Amino acid sequence: MSFFKRIFKSKLVKWLAAIVVFLAICAGICNHWVVSSTQSQLYSDINCLPFRKVGLLLGTNKSWHGGENPYFKYRITAAVDLFKAGKIKHIIVSGDNHLSYYDEAKDMKDSLIKQGVPDSCITLDYAGFRTLDSMVRCLQVFGQDSVTVISQAFHNERAIFIANYYKMHAVAFNAPDPSPAFSFQTDVREYFAKSKAVLDLYVLHTAPHFLGQKEKI
């Protein structure tokens, strides 16, 4: 390798390293912003949670590697507990159904009904492809600017961050987390998802995939 090629390669490596460090710092700042700005709106004690007429249950897959997905199970339990405790009166179930055999919203609705939530108290949002879509559609399609978001804490932080950007009066109830061994992959993905949320809102101004006609609850 020539002298000039070695110099070029050395500078390229340094630039790439600098870019990686810069991106890591940006991701850390974004995560701190999302987490620190939303903590006062997240609740784990059902007795301390303020009343909201509508709960927004964020979708997830019913199954995980052939078994039951604990994220799904714990979110359903949390929503049922809130409904039976009178903390919410109606539930919007927002999930992804972009494939004919995959329907998060319907699976969640079926589980809610099995545990005692009346069908008349459930509204399905089939276009909740992302958390951003779920939050914006809750506001602009279903006309709800005061809701209780229901998911795990890591997810609620991002959902409430989006809600705050759109000036919604949202709080969130934290469903239990699965064991750390189970949730490691999700935690890593969420770290980047929080950074993406900041990018979507403040740089890219990303809109939901679909809005459509307003639906009354």
N, C-alpha and C. Protein backbone atom coordinates (compact mmCIF):
# COMPACT_ATOMS: atom_id res chain seq x y z
N MET A 1 0.85 -1.20 0.00
CA MET A 1 0.00 0.00 0.00
C MET A 1 0.88 1.25 0.00
N SER A 2 0.58 2.20 -0.87
CA SER A 2 1.39 3.41 -0.96
C SER A 2 1.18 4.30 0.26
N PHE A 3 2.09 5.24 0.40
CA PHE A 3 2.04 6.18 1.51
C PHE A 3 0.74 6.96 1.50
N PHE A 4 0.33 7.46 0.31
CA PHE A 4 -0.88 8.28 0.19
C PHE A 4 -2.14 7.46 0.47
N LYS A 5 -2.13 6.20 0.06
CA LYS A 5 -3.28 5.35 0.35
C LYS A 5 -3.43 5.10 1.84
N ARG A 6 -2.28 4.94 2.51
CA ARG A 6 -2.33 4.74 3.98
C ARG A 6 -2.87 5.98 4.68
N ILE A 7 -2.45 7.15 4.20
CA ILE A 7 -2.93 8.41 4.77
C ILE A 7 -4.43 8.55 4.56
N PHE A 8 -4.89 8.25 3.34
CA PHE A 8 -6.32 8.35 3.01
C PHE A 8 -7.14 7.39 3.86
N LYS A 9 -6.65 6.15 3.98
CA LYS A 9 -7.36 5.15 4.78
C LYS A 9 -7.43 5.56 6.24
N SER A 10 -6.36 6.11 6.76
CA SER A 10 -6.33 6.56 8.16
C SER A 10 -7.32 7.69 8.40
N LYS A 11 -7.37 8.64 7.46
CA LYS A 11 -8.31 9.76 7.61
C LYS A 11 -9.75 9.28 7.48
N LEU A 12 -9.98 8.33 6.57
CA LEU A 12 -11.33 7.80 6.39
C LEU A 12 -11.81 7.11 7.66
N VAL A 13 -10.93 6.30 8.27
CA VAL A 13 -11.29 5.62 9.51
C VAL A 13 -11.61 6.63 10.60
N LYS A 14 -10.81 7.69 10.68
CA LYS A 14 -11.04 8.71 11.70
C LYS A 14 -12.37 9.43 11.48
N TRP A 15 -12.68 9.74 10.21
CA TRP A 15 -13.94 10.39 9.92
C TRP A 15 -15.13 9.49 10.25
N LEU A 16 -15.01 8.23 9.89
CA LEU A 16 -16.09 7.28 10.19
C LEU A 16 -16.27 7.14 11.70
N ALA A 17 -15.16 7.08 12.42
CA ALA A 17 -15.24 6.99 13.88
C ALA A 17 -15.89 8.23 14.47
N ALA A 18 -15.54 9.40 13.91
CA ALA A 18 -16.12 10.65 14.40
C ALA A 18 -17.62 10.70 14.15
N ILE A 19 -18.03 10.20 12.99
CA ILE A 19 -19.46 10.17 12.65
C ILE A 19 -20.22 9.25 13.60
N VAL A 20 -19.65 8.07 13.88
CA VAL A 20 -20.28 7.12 14.80
C VAL A 20 -20.43 7.73 16.19
N VAL A 21 -19.39 8.39 16.66
CA VAL A 21 -19.43 9.03 17.98
C VAL A 21 -20.49 10.13 18.00
N PHE A 22 -20.54 10.93 16.93
CA PHE A 22 -21.52 12.02 16.85
C PHE A 22 -22.94 11.47 16.88
N LEU A 23 -23.19 10.42 16.11
CA LEU A 23 -24.53 9.82 16.08
C LEU A 23 -24.90 9.22 17.43
N ALA A 24 -23.92 8.62 18.10
CA ALA A 24 -24.18 8.03 19.42
C ALA A 24 -24.55 9.12 20.42
N ILE A 25 -23.86 10.26 20.35
CA ILE A 25 -24.16 11.38 21.25
C ILE A 25 -25.55 11.92 20.97
N CYS A 26 -25.87 12.06 19.69
CA CYS A 26 -27.21 12.55 19.31
C CYS A 26 -28.30 11.60 19.81
N ALA A 27 -28.07 10.29 19.67
CA ALA A 27 -29.04 9.31 20.13
C ALA A 27 -29.22 9.40 21.64
N GLY A 28 -28.12 9.58 22.35
CA GLY A 28 -28.19 9.70 23.80
C GLY A 28 -28.97 10.93 24.23
N ILE A 29 -28.74 12.05 23.55
CA ILE A 29 -29.46 13.28 23.85
C ILE A 29 -30.96 13.12 23.58
N CYS A 30 -31.28 12.50 22.45
CA CYS A 30 -32.69 12.29 22.09
C CYS A 30 -33.39 11.41 23.11
N ASN A 31 -32.73 10.34 23.52
CA ASN A 31 -33.32 9.44 24.51
C ASN A 31 -33.54 10.14 25.84
N HIS A 32 -32.55 10.93 26.26
CA HIS A 32 -32.70 11.66 27.53
C HIS A 32 -33.86 12.65 27.44
N TRP A 33 -33.99 13.32 26.33
CA TRP A 33 -35.07 14.29 26.13
C TRP A 33 -36.43 13.60 26.21
N VAL A 34 -36.59 12.51 25.48
CA VAL A 34 -37.87 11.80 25.48
C VAL A 34 -38.23 11.30 26.87
N VAL A 35 -37.27 10.68 27.55
CA VAL A 35 -37.54 10.09 28.86
C VAL A 35 -37.79 11.16 29.92
N SER A 36 -36.91 12.15 29.99
CA SER A 36 -37.01 13.15 31.06
C SER A 36 -38.23 14.06 30.92
N SER A 37 -38.68 14.29 29.70
CA SER A 37 -39.80 15.22 29.48
C SER A 37 -41.16 14.57 29.68
N THR A 38 -41.20 13.27 29.90
CA THR A 38 -42.50 12.58 29.96
C THR A 38 -42.78 11.89 31.30
N GLN A 39 -41.80 11.87 32.18
CA GLN A 39 -41.95 11.05 33.39
C GLN A 39 -43.13 11.46 34.27
N SER A 40 -43.44 12.74 34.32
CA SER A 40 -44.53 13.20 35.18
C SER A 40 -45.90 12.77 34.66
N GLN A 41 -45.96 12.27 33.43
CA GLN A 41 -47.24 11.86 32.83
C GLN A 41 -47.41 10.35 32.79
N LEU A 42 -46.44 9.62 33.31
CA LEU A 42 -46.50 8.16 33.33
C LEU A 42 -46.86 7.66 34.73
N TYR A 43 -47.77 6.69 34.80
CA TYR A 43 -48.25 6.16 36.08
C TYR A 43 -48.15 4.63 36.09
N SER A 44 -47.71 4.11 37.22
CA SER A 44 -47.68 2.66 37.43
C SER A 44 -48.66 2.24 38.51
N ASP A 45 -49.12 3.20 39.32
CA ASP A 45 -50.09 2.94 40.39
C ASP A 45 -51.47 3.35 39.88
N ILE A 46 -52.35 2.39 39.75
CA ILE A 46 -53.67 2.66 39.20
C ILE A 46 -54.46 3.64 40.07
N ASN A 47 -54.18 3.67 41.36
CA ASN A 47 -54.90 4.57 42.26
C ASN A 47 -54.51 6.03 42.06
N CYS A 48 -53.32 6.27 41.52
CA CYS A 48 -52.85 7.63 41.30
C CYS A 48 -53.17 8.15 39.91
N LEU A 49 -53.62 7.27 39.05
CA LEU A 49 -53.88 7.65 37.66
C LEU A 49 -55.13 8.52 37.57
N PRO A 50 -55.05 9.68 36.92
CA PRO A 50 -56.24 10.51 36.74
C PRO A 50 -57.20 9.89 35.73
N PHE A 51 -58.47 10.25 35.85
CA PHE A 51 -59.49 9.72 34.95
C PHE A 51 -59.37 10.33 33.57
N ARG A 52 -59.51 9.49 32.56
CA ARG A 52 -59.68 9.93 31.18
C ARG A 52 -60.80 9.08 30.60
N LYS A 53 -61.67 9.69 29.85
CA LYS A 53 -62.79 8.93 29.28
C LYS A 53 -62.30 7.81 28.37
N VAL A 54 -61.26 8.09 27.59
CA VAL A 54 -60.79 7.15 26.58
C VAL A 54 -59.39 6.66 26.88
N GLY A 55 -59.20 5.35 26.75
CA GLY A 55 -57.87 4.76 26.82
C GLY A 55 -57.42 4.39 25.42
N LEU A 56 -56.15 4.62 25.12
CA LEU A 56 -55.58 4.25 23.83
C LEU A 56 -54.62 3.08 24.05
N LEU A 57 -55.07 1.89 23.66
CA LEU A 57 -54.27 0.67 23.84
C LEU A 57 -53.42 0.45 22.60
N LEU A 58 -52.11 0.50 22.76
CA LEU A 58 -51.20 0.38 21.63
C LEU A 58 -50.94 -1.08 21.30
N GLY A 59 -51.03 -1.41 20.03
CA GLY A 59 -51.01 -2.80 19.60
C GLY A 59 -49.65 -3.45 19.60
N THR A 60 -49.67 -4.77 19.68
CA THR A 60 -48.47 -5.59 19.53
C THR A 60 -48.91 -6.98 19.11
N ASN A 61 -47.98 -7.77 18.67
CA ASN A 61 -48.28 -9.11 18.20
C ASN A 61 -48.76 -10.01 19.34
N LYS A 62 -49.76 -10.82 19.08
CA LYS A 62 -50.28 -11.73 20.10
C LYS A 62 -49.30 -12.85 20.44
N SER A 63 -48.51 -13.28 19.46
CA SER A 63 -47.61 -14.42 19.65
C SER A 63 -46.15 -13.98 19.55
N TRP A 64 -45.29 -14.77 20.13
CA TRP A 64 -43.85 -14.50 20.09
C TRP A 64 -43.11 -15.82 19.97
N HIS A 65 -42.52 -16.07 18.81
CA HIS A 65 -41.77 -17.30 18.56
C HIS A 65 -42.59 -18.54 18.91
N GLY A 66 -43.84 -18.52 18.50
CA GLY A 66 -44.70 -19.68 18.72
C GLY A 66 -45.39 -19.72 20.06
N GLY A 67 -45.04 -18.83 20.98
CA GLY A 67 -45.66 -18.79 22.29
C GLY A 67 -46.40 -17.48 22.51
N GLU A 68 -46.91 -17.30 23.71
CA GLU A 68 -47.65 -16.07 24.04
C GLU A 68 -46.70 -14.91 24.23
N ASN A 69 -47.04 -13.78 23.67
CA ASN A 69 -46.24 -12.57 23.82
C ASN A 69 -46.60 -11.88 25.13
N PRO A 70 -45.67 -11.79 26.09
CA PRO A 70 -46.01 -11.17 27.38
C PRO A 70 -46.35 -9.69 27.26
N TYR A 71 -45.78 -9.00 26.27
CA TYR A 71 -46.16 -7.59 26.07
C TYR A 71 -47.65 -7.49 25.78
N PHE A 72 -48.15 -8.36 24.94
CA PHE A 72 -49.58 -8.41 24.61
C PHE A 72 -50.40 -8.72 25.86
N LYS A 73 -50.03 -9.76 26.55
CA LYS A 73 -50.76 -10.20 27.74
C LYS A 73 -50.85 -9.10 28.78
N TYR A 74 -49.73 -8.46 29.07
CA TYR A 74 -49.69 -7.45 30.14
C TYR A 74 -50.45 -6.18 29.74
N ARG A 75 -50.43 -5.83 28.45
CA ARG A 75 -51.18 -4.66 28.02
C ARG A 75 -52.68 -4.89 28.12
N ILE A 76 -53.12 -6.08 27.74
CA ILE A 76 -54.53 -6.42 27.84
C ILE A 76 -54.98 -6.37 29.30
N THR A 77 -54.19 -6.98 30.17
CA THR A 77 -54.53 -6.98 31.60
C THR A 77 -54.61 -5.56 32.15
N ALA A 78 -53.67 -4.72 31.76
CA ALA A 78 -53.66 -3.33 32.23
C ALA A 78 -54.90 -2.59 31.76
N ALA A 79 -55.27 -2.77 30.50
CA ALA A 79 -56.46 -2.09 29.96
C ALA A 79 -57.72 -2.55 30.66
N VAL A 80 -57.84 -3.86 30.91
CA VAL A 80 -59.01 -4.40 31.60
C VAL A 80 -59.07 -3.86 33.03
N ASP A 81 -57.95 -3.82 33.70
CA ASP A 81 -57.91 -3.30 35.07
C ASP A 81 -58.36 -1.84 35.13
N LEU A 82 -57.90 -1.03 34.17
CA LEU A 82 -58.29 0.38 34.14
C LEU A 82 -59.78 0.53 33.88
N PHE A 83 -60.30 -0.29 32.97
CA PHE A 83 -61.72 -0.22 32.64
C PHE A 83 -62.57 -0.61 33.85
N LYS A 84 -62.22 -1.69 34.51
CA LYS A 84 -63.01 -2.18 35.65
C LYS A 84 -62.88 -1.26 36.86
N ALA A 85 -61.76 -0.53 36.94
CA ALA A 85 -61.58 0.41 38.05
C ALA A 85 -62.23 1.76 37.77
N GLY A 86 -62.81 1.93 36.59
CA GLY A 86 -63.47 3.18 36.26
C GLY A 86 -62.53 4.30 35.88
N LYS A 87 -61.29 3.96 35.57
CA LYS A 87 -60.31 4.97 35.17
C LYS A 87 -60.45 5.37 33.71
N ILE A 88 -61.07 4.51 32.91
CA ILE A 88 -61.42 4.80 31.52
C ILE A 88 -62.80 4.21 31.25
N LYS A 89 -63.49 4.76 30.27
CA LYS A 89 -64.83 4.28 29.92
C LYS A 89 -64.89 3.66 28.52
N HIS A 90 -63.90 3.96 27.71
CA HIS A 90 -63.89 3.48 26.34
C HIS A 90 -62.44 3.21 25.94
N ILE A 91 -62.22 2.25 25.04
CA ILE A 91 -60.86 1.88 24.64
C ILE A 91 -60.74 1.92 23.13
N ILE A 92 -59.79 2.73 22.65
CA ILE A 92 -59.38 2.66 21.24
C ILE A 92 -58.23 1.67 21.16
N VAL A 93 -58.41 0.64 20.36
CA VAL A 93 -57.34 -0.35 20.18
C VAL A 93 -56.68 -0.05 18.85
N SER A 94 -55.43 0.40 18.90
CA SER A 94 -54.74 0.84 17.69
C SER A 94 -53.62 -0.12 17.35
N GLY A 95 -53.71 -0.74 16.16
CA GLY A 95 -52.70 -1.72 15.79
C GLY A 95 -52.53 -1.86 14.30
N ASP A 96 -51.65 -2.75 13.93
CA ASP A 96 -51.26 -2.98 12.55
C ASP A 96 -52.02 -4.17 11.98
N ASN A 97 -52.57 -4.02 10.78
CA ASN A 97 -53.20 -5.17 10.11
C ASN A 97 -52.88 -5.16 8.62
N HIS A 98 -51.62 -4.83 8.30
CA HIS A 98 -51.24 -4.67 6.90
C HIS A 98 -51.18 -6.00 6.15
N LEU A 99 -51.23 -7.13 6.87
CA LEU A 99 -51.27 -8.45 6.25
C LEU A 99 -52.60 -9.12 6.58
N SER A 100 -53.10 -9.94 5.67
CA SER A 100 -54.42 -10.55 5.84
C SER A 100 -54.48 -11.46 7.07
N TYR A 101 -53.35 -12.06 7.43
CA TYR A 101 -53.32 -12.99 8.56
C TYR A 101 -52.77 -12.36 9.84
N TYR A 102 -52.56 -11.05 9.82
CA TYR A 102 -51.96 -10.37 10.97
C TYR A 102 -52.83 -9.17 11.34
N ASP A 103 -53.47 -9.21 12.49
CA ASP A 103 -54.41 -8.16 12.87
C ASP A 103 -54.31 -7.90 14.37
N GLU A 104 -53.42 -6.98 14.73
CA GLU A 104 -53.19 -6.68 16.15
C GLU A 104 -54.46 -6.16 16.81
N ALA A 105 -55.17 -5.26 16.15
CA ALA A 105 -56.34 -4.62 16.75
C ALA A 105 -57.43 -5.65 17.06
N LYS A 106 -57.73 -6.52 16.11
CA LYS A 106 -58.77 -7.52 16.32
C LYS A 106 -58.38 -8.51 17.42
N ASP A 107 -57.11 -8.93 17.43
CA ASP A 107 -56.66 -9.87 18.47
C ASP A 107 -56.80 -9.24 19.85
N MET A 108 -56.47 -7.98 19.96
CA MET A 108 -56.59 -7.29 21.25
C MET A 108 -58.06 -7.13 21.63
N LYS A 109 -58.90 -6.77 20.67
CA LYS A 109 -60.32 -6.63 20.95
C LYS A 109 -60.90 -7.95 21.46
N ASP A 110 -60.58 -9.05 20.80
CA ASP A 110 -61.08 -10.36 21.22
C ASP A 110 -60.66 -10.68 22.65
N SER A 111 -59.42 -10.36 22.99
CA SER A 111 -58.93 -10.63 24.35
C SER A 111 -59.61 -9.74 25.38
N LEU A 112 -59.86 -8.48 25.02
CA LEU A 112 -60.55 -7.57 25.94
C LEU A 112 -61.97 -8.07 26.22
N ILE A 113 -62.66 -8.50 25.19
CA ILE A 113 -64.03 -8.98 25.36
C ILE A 113 -64.06 -10.23 26.22
N LYS A 114 -63.10 -11.13 26.02
CA LYS A 114 -63.02 -12.34 26.84
C LYS A 114 -62.85 -12.02 28.31
N GLN A 115 -62.23 -10.87 28.61
CA GLN A 115 -61.99 -10.50 30.00
C GLN A 115 -63.01 -9.49 30.52
N GLY A 116 -64.12 -9.32 29.79
CA GLY A 116 -65.23 -8.57 30.36
C GLY A 116 -65.46 -7.17 29.87
N VAL A 117 -64.69 -6.70 28.90
CA VAL A 117 -64.93 -5.37 28.35
C VAL A 117 -66.00 -5.47 27.26
N PRO A 118 -67.10 -4.75 27.35
CA PRO A 118 -68.17 -4.85 26.34
C PRO A 118 -67.69 -4.40 24.97
N ASP A 119 -68.21 -5.05 23.97
CA ASP A 119 -67.89 -4.70 22.58
C ASP A 119 -68.22 -3.24 22.28
N SER A 120 -69.29 -2.74 22.88
CA SER A 120 -69.73 -1.36 22.64
C SER A 120 -68.75 -0.33 23.19
N CYS A 121 -67.84 -0.77 24.02
CA CYS A 121 -66.87 0.14 24.64
C CYS A 121 -65.50 0.07 23.97
N ILE A 122 -65.44 -0.56 22.81
CA ILE A 122 -64.18 -0.74 22.11
C ILE A 122 -64.29 -0.20 20.69
N THR A 123 -63.32 0.61 20.29
CA THR A 123 -63.22 1.10 18.92
C THR A 123 -61.90 0.63 18.34
N LEU A 124 -61.94 0.11 17.11
CA LEU A 124 -60.74 -0.40 16.48
C LEU A 124 -60.12 0.64 15.54
N ASP A 125 -58.82 0.79 15.65
CA ASP A 125 -58.05 1.60 14.71
C ASP A 125 -57.10 0.65 13.99
N TYR A 126 -57.44 0.32 12.76
CA TYR A 126 -56.66 -0.65 12.00
C TYR A 126 -55.42 -0.04 11.35
N ALA A 127 -55.25 1.26 11.45
CA ALA A 127 -54.13 1.93 10.77
C ALA A 127 -53.09 2.43 11.76
N GLY A 128 -52.96 1.76 12.89
CA GLY A 128 -51.93 2.13 13.86
C GLY A 128 -50.62 1.44 13.54
N PHE A 129 -50.06 1.74 12.37
CA PHE A 129 -48.87 1.04 11.90
C PHE A 129 -47.64 1.37 12.74
N ARG A 130 -47.60 2.60 13.26
CA ARG A 130 -46.51 3.05 14.13
C ARG A 130 -47.12 3.81 15.30
N THR A 131 -46.32 4.03 16.31
CA THR A 131 -46.80 4.79 17.47
C THR A 131 -47.22 6.18 17.05
N LEU A 132 -46.46 6.80 16.14
CA LEU A 132 -46.82 8.13 15.66
C LEU A 132 -48.19 8.10 15.00
N ASP A 133 -48.45 7.09 14.17
CA ASP A 133 -49.76 6.97 13.52
C ASP A 133 -50.87 6.84 14.56
N SER A 134 -50.65 6.00 15.56
CA SER A 134 -51.67 5.78 16.59
C SER A 134 -52.02 7.07 17.33
N MET A 135 -51.00 7.84 17.70
CA MET A 135 -51.24 9.05 18.47
C MET A 135 -51.92 10.13 17.62
N VAL A 136 -51.44 10.34 16.40
CA VAL A 136 -52.01 11.38 15.56
C VAL A 136 -53.43 11.02 15.13
N ARG A 137 -53.67 9.75 14.82
CA ARG A 137 -55.01 9.33 14.43
C ARG A 137 -55.98 9.43 15.62
N CYS A 138 -55.49 9.16 16.81
CA CYS A 138 -56.33 9.32 18.01
C CYS A 138 -56.84 10.75 18.10
N LEU A 139 -55.98 11.70 17.79
CA LEU A 139 -56.35 13.11 17.85
C LEU A 139 -57.18 13.55 16.65
N GLN A 140 -56.69 13.25 15.46
CA GLN A 140 -57.27 13.84 14.25
C GLN A 140 -58.39 13.02 13.62
N VAL A 141 -58.39 11.72 13.83
CA VAL A 141 -59.46 10.88 13.27
C VAL A 141 -60.55 10.63 14.30
N PHE A 142 -60.15 10.28 15.53
CA PHE A 142 -61.13 9.93 16.56
C PHE A 142 -61.47 11.12 17.47
N GLY A 143 -60.81 12.24 17.27
CA GLY A 143 -61.16 13.47 17.97
C GLY A 143 -60.87 13.46 19.46
N GLN A 144 -59.88 12.68 19.88
CA GLN A 144 -59.58 12.56 21.31
C GLN A 144 -58.23 13.23 21.62
N ASP A 145 -58.27 14.31 22.37
CA ASP A 145 -57.02 14.97 22.75
C ASP A 145 -56.69 14.77 24.22
N SER A 146 -57.56 14.04 24.94
CA SER A 146 -57.34 13.75 26.35
C SER A 146 -57.52 12.26 26.57
N VAL A 147 -56.41 11.52 26.63
CA VAL A 147 -56.48 10.05 26.66
C VAL A 147 -55.47 9.49 27.66
N THR A 148 -55.70 8.22 27.99
CA THR A 148 -54.72 7.44 28.75
C THR A 148 -54.11 6.41 27.80
N VAL A 149 -52.83 6.54 27.55
CA VAL A 149 -52.12 5.59 26.70
C VAL A 149 -51.79 4.36 27.54
N ILE A 150 -51.95 3.18 26.95
CA ILE A 150 -51.70 1.94 27.68
C ILE A 150 -50.68 1.11 26.93
N SER A 151 -49.52 0.94 27.55
CA SER A 151 -48.45 0.11 27.00
C SER A 151 -47.40 -0.06 28.09
N GLN A 152 -46.24 -0.62 27.74
CA GLN A 152 -45.14 -0.68 28.69
C GLN A 152 -44.48 0.70 28.81
N ALA A 153 -43.75 0.93 29.89
CA ALA A 153 -43.19 2.25 30.18
C ALA A 153 -42.31 2.76 29.05
N PHE A 154 -41.43 1.90 28.51
CA PHE A 154 -40.51 2.34 27.46
C PHE A 154 -41.28 2.86 26.25
N HIS A 155 -42.41 2.25 25.97
CA HIS A 155 -43.25 2.62 24.83
C HIS A 155 -44.08 3.85 25.16
N ASN A 156 -44.58 3.91 26.37
CA ASN A 156 -45.37 5.06 26.80
C ASN A 156 -44.56 6.35 26.74
N GLU A 157 -43.28 6.27 27.05
CA GLU A 157 -42.44 7.48 27.00
C GLU A 157 -42.46 8.09 25.61
N ARG A 158 -42.31 7.25 24.62
CA ARG A 158 -42.30 7.72 23.23
C ARG A 158 -43.69 8.21 22.81
N ALA A 159 -44.73 7.48 23.20
CA ALA A 159 -46.09 7.87 22.84
C ALA A 159 -46.46 9.22 23.45
N ILE A 160 -46.12 9.42 24.70
CA ILE A 160 -46.44 10.69 25.36
C ILE A 160 -45.61 11.82 24.78
N PHE A 161 -44.38 11.55 24.41
CA PHE A 161 -43.54 12.56 23.75
C PHE A 161 -44.22 13.05 22.48
N ILE A 162 -44.75 12.12 21.70
CA ILE A 162 -45.47 12.48 20.48
C ILE A 162 -46.74 13.25 20.82
N ALA A 163 -47.47 12.79 21.83
CA ALA A 163 -48.69 13.48 22.25
C ALA A 163 -48.40 14.91 22.67
N ASN A 164 -47.32 15.11 23.39
CA ASN A 164 -46.97 16.46 23.83
C ASN A 164 -46.64 17.38 22.65
N TYR A 165 -45.99 16.82 21.65
CA TYR A 165 -45.68 17.61 20.44
C TYR A 165 -46.97 18.12 19.80
N TYR A 166 -48.00 17.28 19.82
CA TYR A 166 -49.28 17.65 19.22
C TYR A 166 -50.22 18.31 20.24
N LYS A 167 -49.67 18.66 21.39
CA LYS A 167 -50.41 19.40 22.43
C LYS A 167 -51.65 18.65 22.91
N MET A 168 -51.54 17.34 23.00
CA MET A 168 -52.61 16.52 23.57
C MET A 168 -52.48 16.53 25.10
N HIS A 169 -53.59 16.29 25.77
CA HIS A 169 -53.59 16.22 27.24
C HIS A 169 -53.57 14.74 27.63
N ALA A 170 -52.45 14.10 27.38
CA ALA A 170 -52.36 12.65 27.55
C ALA A 170 -51.56 12.27 28.79
N VAL A 171 -51.98 11.16 29.39
CA VAL A 171 -51.20 10.49 30.43
C VAL A 171 -51.04 9.04 29.97
N ALA A 172 -50.26 8.27 30.70
CA ALA A 172 -50.05 6.88 30.30
C ALA A 172 -50.01 5.99 31.53
N PHE A 173 -50.49 4.77 31.34
CA PHE A 173 -50.43 3.76 32.39
C PHE A 173 -49.46 2.67 31.95
N ASN A 174 -48.50 2.38 32.83
CA ASN A 174 -47.45 1.43 32.50
C ASN A 174 -47.87 0.00 32.81
N ALA A 175 -48.02 -0.81 31.77
CA ALA A 175 -48.18 -2.25 31.97
C ALA A 175 -46.84 -2.83 32.41
N PRO A 176 -46.83 -3.96 33.11
CA PRO A 176 -45.57 -4.56 33.56
C PRO A 176 -44.66 -4.91 32.38
N ASP A 177 -43.37 -4.89 32.63
CA ASP A 177 -42.38 -5.32 31.64
C ASP A 177 -42.12 -6.81 31.76
N PRO A 178 -41.83 -7.48 30.65
CA PRO A 178 -41.36 -8.87 30.73
C PRO A 178 -39.99 -8.93 31.39
N SER A 179 -39.48 -10.11 31.60
CA SER A 179 -38.15 -10.27 32.20
C SER A 179 -37.09 -9.66 31.30
N PRO A 180 -35.97 -9.17 31.88
CA PRO A 180 -34.90 -8.55 31.07
C PRO A 180 -34.38 -9.46 29.97
N ALA A 181 -34.31 -10.75 30.24
CA ALA A 181 -33.82 -11.68 29.23
C ALA A 181 -34.73 -11.69 28.00
N PHE A 182 -35.99 -11.52 28.24
CA PHE A 182 -36.97 -11.52 27.14
C PHE A 182 -36.97 -10.19 26.40
N SER A 183 -36.73 -9.10 27.14
CA SER A 183 -36.95 -7.77 26.58
C SER A 183 -35.70 -7.11 26.03
N PHE A 184 -34.54 -7.76 26.07
CA PHE A 184 -33.28 -7.12 25.67
C PHE A 184 -33.35 -6.58 24.24
N GLN A 185 -33.81 -7.40 23.32
CA GLN A 185 -33.89 -6.99 21.92
C GLN A 185 -34.83 -5.80 21.74
N THR A 186 -35.94 -5.82 22.45
CA THR A 186 -36.89 -4.72 22.37
C THR A 186 -36.29 -3.44 22.94
N ASP A 187 -35.54 -3.56 24.03
CA ASP A 187 -34.91 -2.38 24.64
C ASP A 187 -33.91 -1.73 23.70
N VAL A 188 -33.15 -2.55 22.99
CA VAL A 188 -32.17 -2.01 22.03
C VAL A 188 -32.90 -1.28 20.90
N ARG A 189 -33.95 -1.91 20.37
CA ARG A 189 -34.72 -1.30 19.29
C ARG A 189 -35.36 0.01 19.75
N GLU A 190 -35.85 0.03 20.98
CA GLU A 190 -36.51 1.22 21.49
C GLU A 190 -35.56 2.40 21.61
N TYR A 191 -34.29 2.12 21.92
CA TYR A 191 -33.29 3.20 22.04
C TYR A 191 -33.23 3.98 20.74
N PHE A 192 -33.21 3.27 19.62
CA PHE A 192 -33.17 3.93 18.32
C PHE A 192 -34.54 4.49 17.93
N ALA A 193 -35.61 3.84 18.38
CA ALA A 193 -36.95 4.33 18.07
C ALA A 193 -37.21 5.70 18.69
N LYS A 194 -36.67 5.94 19.87
CA LYS A 194 -36.83 7.26 20.50
C LYS A 194 -36.11 8.33 19.69
N SER A 195 -34.93 8.00 19.20
CA SER A 195 -34.20 8.95 18.35
C SER A 195 -34.98 9.22 17.07
N LYS A 196 -35.55 8.16 16.51
CA LYS A 196 -36.34 8.30 15.28
C LYS A 196 -37.57 9.18 15.53
N ALA A 197 -38.16 9.07 16.72
CA ALA A 197 -39.33 9.89 17.04
C ALA A 197 -38.98 11.38 17.01
N VAL A 198 -37.84 11.72 17.58
CA VAL A 198 -37.39 13.12 17.55
C VAL A 198 -37.17 13.57 16.12
N LEU A 199 -36.52 12.72 15.33
CA LEU A 199 -36.25 13.03 13.93
C LEU A 199 -37.56 13.21 13.15
N ASP A 200 -38.51 12.30 13.37
CA ASP A 200 -39.79 12.37 12.68
C ASP A 200 -40.54 13.67 12.98
N LEU A 201 -40.52 14.07 14.24
CA LEU A 201 -41.32 15.22 14.66
C LEU A 201 -40.65 16.55 14.33
N TYR A 202 -39.37 16.67 14.62
CA TYR A 202 -38.72 17.98 14.56
C TYR A 202 -37.88 18.22 13.31
N VAL A 203 -37.59 17.18 12.53
CA VAL A 203 -36.78 17.34 11.33
C VAL A 203 -37.56 16.94 10.08
N LEU A 204 -38.09 15.72 10.07
CA LEU A 204 -38.76 15.20 8.89
C LEU A 204 -40.23 15.59 8.81
N HIS A 205 -40.82 15.94 9.96
CA HIS A 205 -42.25 16.28 10.03
C HIS A 205 -43.09 15.17 9.39
N THR A 206 -42.84 13.96 9.84
CA THR A 206 -43.48 12.77 9.29
C THR A 206 -44.97 12.75 9.61
N ALA A 207 -45.77 12.41 8.63
CA ALA A 207 -47.23 12.30 8.81
C ALA A 207 -47.62 10.83 8.88
N PRO A 208 -48.78 10.53 9.44
CA PRO A 208 -49.26 9.15 9.45
C PRO A 208 -49.45 8.62 8.03
N HIS A 209 -49.40 7.30 7.90
CA HIS A 209 -49.62 6.69 6.59
C HIS A 209 -51.01 7.01 6.07
N PHE A 210 -52.02 6.94 6.96
CA PHE A 210 -53.40 7.19 6.58
C PHE A 210 -54.10 8.02 7.67
N LEU A 211 -54.99 8.90 7.23
CA LEU A 211 -55.87 9.61 8.16
C LEU A 211 -57.31 9.24 7.83
N GLY A 212 -57.86 9.78 6.75
CA GLY A 212 -59.20 9.38 6.36
C GLY A 212 -60.28 10.15 7.11
N GLN A 213 -61.52 9.65 7.01
CA GLN A 213 -62.67 10.33 7.59
C GLN A 213 -62.65 10.23 9.11
N LYS A 214 -63.21 11.26 9.74
CA LYS A 214 -63.29 11.27 11.20
C LYS A 214 -64.32 10.24 11.67
N GLU A 215 -64.03 9.66 12.83
CA GLU A 215 -64.93 8.67 13.43
C GLU A 215 -65.30 9.13 14.84
N LYS A 216 -66.59 9.15 15.12
CA LYS A 216 -67.07 9.62 16.41
C LYS A 216 -67.08 8.49 17.45
N ILE A 217 -66.63 8.82 18.64
CA ILE A 217 -66.65 7.87 19.76
C ILE A 217 -67.70 8.32 20.76
